Protein backbone atom coordinates (compact mmCIF):
# COMPACT_ATOMS: atom_id res chain seq x y z
CA MET A 1 -0.06 0.31 -0.40
CA ILE A 2 3.03 2.37 0.34
CA GLU A 3 6.35 2.04 -1.13
CA VAL A 4 9.38 4.19 -0.47
CA GLU A 5 11.82 3.94 -2.99
CA ASN A 6 15.69 5.59 -3.21
CA LEU A 7 13.61 8.40 -1.46
CA THR A 8 16.24 11.31 -0.76
CA LYS A 9 15.82 14.68 0.81
CA ARG A 10 18.68 17.40 0.83
CA TYR A 11 18.17 20.82 2.83
CA GLY A 12 20.90 22.41 1.23
CA ALA A 13 24.04 20.72 2.62
CA LYS A 14 22.27 18.80 5.39
CA VAL A 15 20.70 15.09 4.11
CA ALA A 16 17.97 14.44 6.19
CA VAL A 17 16.39 11.35 4.07
CA ASP A 18 19.08 9.63 2.05
CA GLY A 19 18.32 6.91 -0.35
CA LEU A 20 15.85 5.39 1.84
CA SER A 21 13.73 2.21 0.73
CA PHE A 22 11.04 0.10 2.35
CA SER A 23 7.47 -0.52 1.88
CA VAL A 24 4.18 -0.85 4.25
CA THR A 25 1.40 -3.57 4.19
CA PRO A 26 -1.78 -4.23 5.07
CA GLY A 27 -3.12 -5.85 8.08
CA LYS A 28 -0.19 -5.10 10.62
CA VAL A 29 0.85 -2.56 12.37
CA THR A 30 4.42 -1.29 11.03
CA GLY A 31 6.35 0.69 13.50
CA PHE A 32 8.70 3.46 12.03
CA LEU A 33 11.78 4.24 14.93
CA GLY A 34 14.92 5.93 14.58
CA PRO A 35 16.84 8.49 17.06
CA ASN A 36 15.93 12.34 16.87
CA GLY A 37 17.26 13.56 13.41
CA ALA A 38 16.43 10.28 11.70
CA GLY A 39 14.31 11.59 8.86
CA LYS A 40 11.12 9.58 10.03
CA SER A 41 8.90 13.20 10.37
CA THR A 42 10.40 14.00 6.76
CA THR A 43 9.71 10.60 5.35
CA LEU A 44 5.95 10.91 6.47
CA ARG A 45 5.77 14.52 5.21
CA MET A 46 6.93 12.85 1.60
CA ILE A 47 4.86 10.48 1.44
CA LEU A 48 1.67 12.90 2.02
CA GLY A 49 3.81 14.96 -0.78
CA LEU A 50 3.74 18.12 2.12
CA ASP A 51 7.66 17.72 1.10
CA GLU A 52 9.24 17.18 -2.62
CA PRO A 53 11.77 14.46 -2.72
CA THR A 54 15.08 15.71 -3.83
CA ALA A 55 15.39 12.40 -5.44
CA GLY A 56 13.13 8.98 -5.31
CA ARG A 57 9.45 8.62 -4.60
CA ALA A 58 6.89 7.61 -2.26
CA THR A 59 3.59 6.55 -3.42
CA VAL A 60 0.63 4.96 -1.97
CA PHE A 61 -1.82 2.82 -4.01
CA GLY A 62 0.62 2.85 -6.77
CA VAL A 63 0.58 6.37 -7.06
CA PRO A 64 1.84 9.86 -5.34
CA TYR A 65 -0.80 11.19 -2.64
CA ARG A 66 -1.13 14.09 -4.29
CA SER A 67 -2.70 11.98 -7.45
CA LEU A 68 -5.57 10.75 -5.16
CA THR A 69 -9.21 11.85 -5.61
CA ARG A 70 -10.94 12.32 -2.43
CA PRO A 71 -7.62 11.80 -0.67
CA LEU A 72 -8.76 11.72 2.92
CA THR A 73 -11.18 8.54 1.68
CA ARG A 74 -8.04 6.51 0.95
CA VAL A 75 -5.49 8.13 3.53
CA GLY A 76 -5.52 9.14 7.03
CA ALA A 77 -2.84 10.98 8.78
CA LEU A 78 -1.86 12.76 12.24
CA LEU A 79 1.23 14.55 11.69
CA ASP A 80 0.56 17.68 14.18
CA THR A 81 -2.48 18.21 15.80
CA ARG A 82 -2.09 22.20 16.01
CA THR A 83 -2.96 23.28 12.66
CA VAL A 84 -6.51 22.78 14.06
CA HIS A 85 -8.33 26.94 14.10
CA PRO A 86 -8.49 27.31 17.88
CA GLY A 87 -11.63 29.12 17.39
CA ARG A 88 -13.38 25.96 16.09
CA SER A 89 -15.13 23.88 17.47
CA ALA A 90 -14.30 19.80 17.50
CA ARG A 91 -17.37 18.80 15.40
CA ASP A 92 -17.07 22.19 13.19
CA HIS A 93 -13.44 21.47 12.56
CA LEU A 94 -14.45 17.82 11.55
CA ARG A 95 -17.80 19.01 9.18
CA VAL A 96 -15.46 21.56 7.45
CA LEU A 97 -13.00 18.33 6.63
CA ALA A 98 -16.11 16.34 5.80
CA ALA A 99 -17.45 18.73 3.17
CA SER A 100 -14.36 18.71 1.40
CA HIS A 101 -14.25 15.99 -0.28
CA GLY A 102 -17.98 15.27 -0.03
CA LEU A 103 -18.76 13.33 2.94
CA PRO A 104 -21.65 13.25 5.56
CA ALA A 105 -21.96 15.67 8.20
CA THR A 106 -22.63 12.63 10.57
CA ARG A 107 -19.34 11.26 9.87
CA ALA A 108 -18.09 13.89 12.15
CA GLU A 109 -20.12 12.89 15.27
CA ALA A 110 -18.96 8.93 14.46
CA VAL A 111 -15.37 10.04 14.56
CA LEU A 112 -15.99 11.84 17.19
CA ASP A 113 -17.68 9.22 19.29
CA ARG A 114 -14.97 6.71 18.34
CA VAL A 115 -12.03 8.39 19.99
CA GLY A 116 -14.13 9.46 23.10
CA LEU A 117 -14.99 13.33 22.69
CA LEU A 118 -18.44 13.36 21.47
CA ALA A 119 -18.85 15.27 25.07
CA VAL A 120 -16.62 17.68 24.02
CA ALA A 121 -17.75 18.14 20.29
CA ARG A 122 -19.14 21.76 20.48
CA GLN A 123 -15.87 23.00 22.55
CA ARG A 124 -13.51 25.38 20.88
CA VAL A 125 -10.44 23.35 20.25
CA ARG A 126 -8.20 26.40 22.01
CA GLY A 127 -9.62 24.96 25.20
CA PHE A 128 -8.15 21.40 24.76
CA SER A 129 -5.72 19.88 26.19
CA LEU A 130 -2.83 18.57 24.23
CA GLY A 131 -4.33 14.49 25.02
CA MET A 132 -7.46 15.57 23.67
CA GLY A 133 -5.95 17.27 20.51
CA GLN A 134 -4.51 14.39 19.64
CA ARG A 135 -7.62 12.37 19.82
CA LEU A 136 -9.03 15.19 17.52
CA GLY A 137 -6.57 14.39 15.16
CA VAL A 138 -6.94 10.99 15.10
CA ALA A 139 -10.87 11.60 14.26
CA ALA A 140 -9.76 13.82 11.51
CA ALA A 141 -7.52 10.94 10.59
CA LEU A 142 -10.42 8.49 10.38
CA LEU A 143 -13.25 10.90 8.76
CA GLY A 144 -13.10 9.13 5.38
CA ASP A 145 -12.71 5.63 6.57
CA PRO A 146 -9.38 5.52 4.95
CA GLU A 147 -7.47 2.33 4.33
CA VAL A 148 -3.61 3.24 4.74
CA LEU A 149 -3.27 5.32 8.52
CA LEU A 150 0.02 7.14 9.38
CA PHE A 151 0.59 8.60 12.82
CA ASP A 152 3.45 10.89 13.97
CA GLU A 153 3.89 10.16 18.07
CA PRO A 154 0.24 9.48 18.64
CA VAL A 155 0.78 8.79 22.63
CA ASN A 156 1.91 12.50 22.94
CA GLY A 157 -0.16 13.72 25.51
CA LEU A 158 -2.38 10.93 26.44
CA ASP A 159 -3.23 9.65 29.87
CA PRO A 160 -2.31 5.75 30.70
CA GLU A 161 -6.23 4.65 29.41
CA GLY A 162 -5.23 6.97 26.41
CA VAL A 163 -2.44 4.73 25.49
CA ARG A 164 -3.90 1.89 26.32
CA TRP A 165 -6.97 3.10 23.51
CA ILE A 166 -4.71 4.46 20.82
CA ARG A 167 -2.63 0.56 21.17
CA GLU A 168 -5.90 -0.99 20.60
CA LEU A 169 -7.21 1.54 17.72
CA MET A 170 -4.05 0.76 15.88
CA ARG A 171 -4.02 -3.02 16.32
CA GLY A 172 -7.71 -3.00 15.80
CA LEU A 173 -7.37 -1.15 12.10
CA ALA A 174 -4.74 -3.49 11.13
CA ALA A 175 -6.75 -6.61 12.01
CA GLU A 176 -9.67 -5.44 9.33
CA GLY A 177 -6.71 -5.57 7.04
CA ARG A 178 -6.08 -1.53 6.84
CA THR A 179 -2.31 -0.38 6.38
CA VAL A 180 -0.98 1.51 9.81
CA LEU A 181 2.35 3.16 9.99
CA VAL A 182 3.33 4.80 13.47
CA SER A 183 6.55 6.60 14.32
CA SER A 184 6.80 6.75 18.17
CA HIS A 185 9.91 7.31 20.33
CA LEU A 186 8.24 4.88 23.04
CA MET A 187 9.74 1.53 22.72
CA ASN A 188 7.85 -0.17 25.14
CA GLU A 189 4.56 0.69 23.60
CA MET A 190 5.89 -0.42 20.01
CA ALA A 191 6.75 -4.00 21.93
CA VAL A 192 3.29 -4.69 22.85
CA THR A 193 1.71 -2.42 19.34
CA ALA A 194 3.88 -2.84 16.46
CA ASP A 195 4.20 -6.52 14.60
CA HIS A 196 6.94 -5.16 12.29
CA LEU A 197 9.87 -2.80 12.14
CA VAL A 198 11.32 0.15 9.84
CA VAL A 199 14.49 1.21 11.86
CA VAL A 200 16.49 4.61 10.39
CA ALA A 201 18.95 6.65 11.43
CA ARG A 202 20.79 9.52 9.53
CA GLY A 203 18.26 9.10 6.65
CA ARG A 204 19.41 5.52 6.00
CA LEU A 205 17.85 2.08 6.73
CA LEU A 206 19.07 0.06 9.11
CA ALA A 207 16.58 -2.85 9.67
CA ASP A 208 13.13 -4.15 7.84
CA THR A 209 11.46 -6.38 9.92
CA PRO A 210 9.06 -8.44 12.40
CA VAL A 211 9.52 -6.84 15.81
CA ASP A 212 10.46 -10.47 17.08
CA ALA A 213 13.22 -11.09 15.04
CA PHE A 214 14.80 -7.67 15.63
CA VAL A 215 14.77 -8.28 18.89
CA ALA A 216 16.42 -11.61 18.79
CA ALA A 217 19.18 -10.33 16.40
CA HIS A 218 19.87 -6.85 18.39
CA ALA A 219 19.40 -7.42 22.43
CA ASP A 220 21.48 -9.81 24.24
CA ARG A 221 19.99 -13.55 25.31
CA THR A 222 20.38 -13.98 28.89
CA VAL A 223 19.68 -17.51 31.49
CA VAL A 224 18.70 -16.19 34.98
CA ALA A 225 19.84 -19.49 36.62
CA ARG A 226 19.34 -20.15 40.48
CA VAL A 227 22.19 -23.01 41.84
CA SER A 228 23.05 -24.80 44.50
CA ASP A 229 26.53 -23.48 44.23
CA PRO A 230 26.69 -20.11 42.74
CA GLU A 231 30.62 -19.40 43.02
CA GLY A 232 30.95 -23.01 41.37
CA MET A 233 29.06 -22.17 38.52
CA ARG A 234 30.45 -19.51 37.62
CA ARG A 235 33.99 -20.32 37.33
CA ALA A 236 33.09 -23.40 35.33
CA LEU A 237 31.01 -21.09 33.08
CA ARG A 238 33.83 -18.76 32.79
CA GLU A 239 36.28 -21.53 31.80
CA GLN A 240 34.33 -22.03 28.79
CA GLY A 241 34.46 -18.20 27.86
CA ILE A 242 30.88 -17.89 29.00
CA ASP A 243 29.74 -14.15 30.72
CA CYS A 244 28.11 -14.15 33.88
CA VAL A 245 27.01 -11.77 36.55
CA ARG A 246 25.43 -12.58 40.31
CA GLU A 247 23.09 -11.53 40.69
CA ASP A 248 22.40 -12.26 44.68
CA ASP A 249 23.62 -15.46 47.22
CA ALA A 250 21.96 -17.91 44.98
CA THR A 251 21.19 -16.25 41.39
CA LEU A 252 23.49 -15.87 38.56
CA ALA A 253 22.69 -13.72 35.10
CA VAL A 254 24.17 -15.85 32.02
CA SER A 255 25.07 -13.91 28.55
CA GLY A 256 24.80 -14.72 25.06
CA VAL A 257 23.87 -18.33 26.08
CA SER A 258 20.89 -20.86 25.52
CA VAL A 259 19.35 -22.73 28.85
CA GLU A 260 20.28 -26.08 27.66
CA LYS A 261 24.48 -24.89 27.27
CA VAL A 262 23.59 -23.36 31.03
CA GLY A 263 21.92 -26.96 31.92
CA LEU A 264 24.49 -29.32 30.54
CA VAL A 265 26.97 -27.22 32.80
CA ALA A 266 25.64 -27.22 35.49
CA SER A 267 25.26 -31.25 34.91
CA ALA A 268 28.78 -31.43 34.32
CA GLU A 269 29.57 -30.01 37.47
CA ASN A 270 26.83 -32.13 39.80
CA ILE A 271 25.61 -28.44 40.80
CA ALA A 272 22.05 -28.60 41.61
CA VAL A 273 19.43 -26.16 39.31
CA PHE A 274 16.50 -24.62 40.60
CA GLU A 275 15.12 -22.49 37.89
CA LEU A 276 16.71 -21.86 34.67
CA THR A 277 14.54 -18.61 32.99
CA ALA A 278 15.50 -17.19 29.25
CA SER A 279 15.12 -14.05 28.23
CA SER A 280 15.53 -12.96 24.75
CA GLY A 281 16.19 -9.16 25.98
CA SER A 282 13.41 -6.31 25.27
CA LEU A 283 13.05 -3.75 22.03
CA GLU A 284 14.43 -0.60 23.88
CA GLU A 285 17.20 -2.76 24.55
CA ALA A 286 17.86 -4.20 20.55
CA PHE A 287 16.83 -0.43 19.38
CA MET A 288 19.45 1.55 21.74
CA LYS A 289 22.04 -1.09 20.83
CA LEU A 290 21.48 -0.53 16.59
CA THR A 291 21.34 3.00 17.21
CA GLN A 292 23.67 4.14 19.46
CA GLU A 293 25.91 5.73 17.75
CA TYR A 294 23.70 7.10 16.07
CA ALA A 295 22.59 9.59 18.63
CA GLU A 296 22.14 13.25 17.74
CA TYR A 297 22.63 14.35 21.36
CA ARG A 298 24.03 12.88 24.46
CA ALA A 299 23.91 14.50 27.96
CA SER A 300 26.93 13.74 30.63
CA THR A 301 26.63 11.72 32.79
CA GLY A 302 29.11 13.76 35.28
CA GLY A 303 27.26 15.86 38.14
CA PHE A 304 27.41 19.37 38.17
């Protein structure tokens, strides 16, 4: 549904997006991840025809976004919630958008109800909180019942209930067979929302893979071993070149090996095993490991 081919965007000497290529397919949530300055927002703007590429192209349904007839009925997007006229009510804002595409005014009430804003439909947008503005932006994206949806940092300003709501909404939209692309810096949230990842840094593609495969490839595997003789177990592991850290009186954290390997070492040393638990690491750990050299800003770890 979304195709990005050798997409490049330069601002003078600065290269914001550098030969980027990936596709986003229906039926799953695709997380679009990268550090600050990675080119994510610029890429989304080029997909939506808001910025002109220096080279390459981005298409939706096989054509540039600007070529779509009644685009709100094909593509919905949340990029910047501050573009709403502050003097309008939420309902009037959506009715204007609906009228521009020949949609019935009743669609405004329908999407306000879906995002939980029906009770404040007559309130002026200038009085909305950040979270309410996010919900209104989602309502606008859903207005034309589009097949493709793009969200840029949709969790900003949402309370815990709102975070859960947007997560379930995105997964529900994907389950309906829609194409969902979401950019976010919240790794823990992406871990439970996204099915697939496109990871970029400095405008270039670093990974295009399912979430599980990404974590397995880039996060360290750890086995938690609770044994009768932790010191003897640690010596035996280190003799085989296996790293481990003692966590308490009976527990070791063993890195880079399987549960089976740890069990075999314990058996060979006649050490009783009380627990062996494998952990494949987290999405945050995998992301940080892959992108640490591309961080735009680094804070000092020293004191004042």
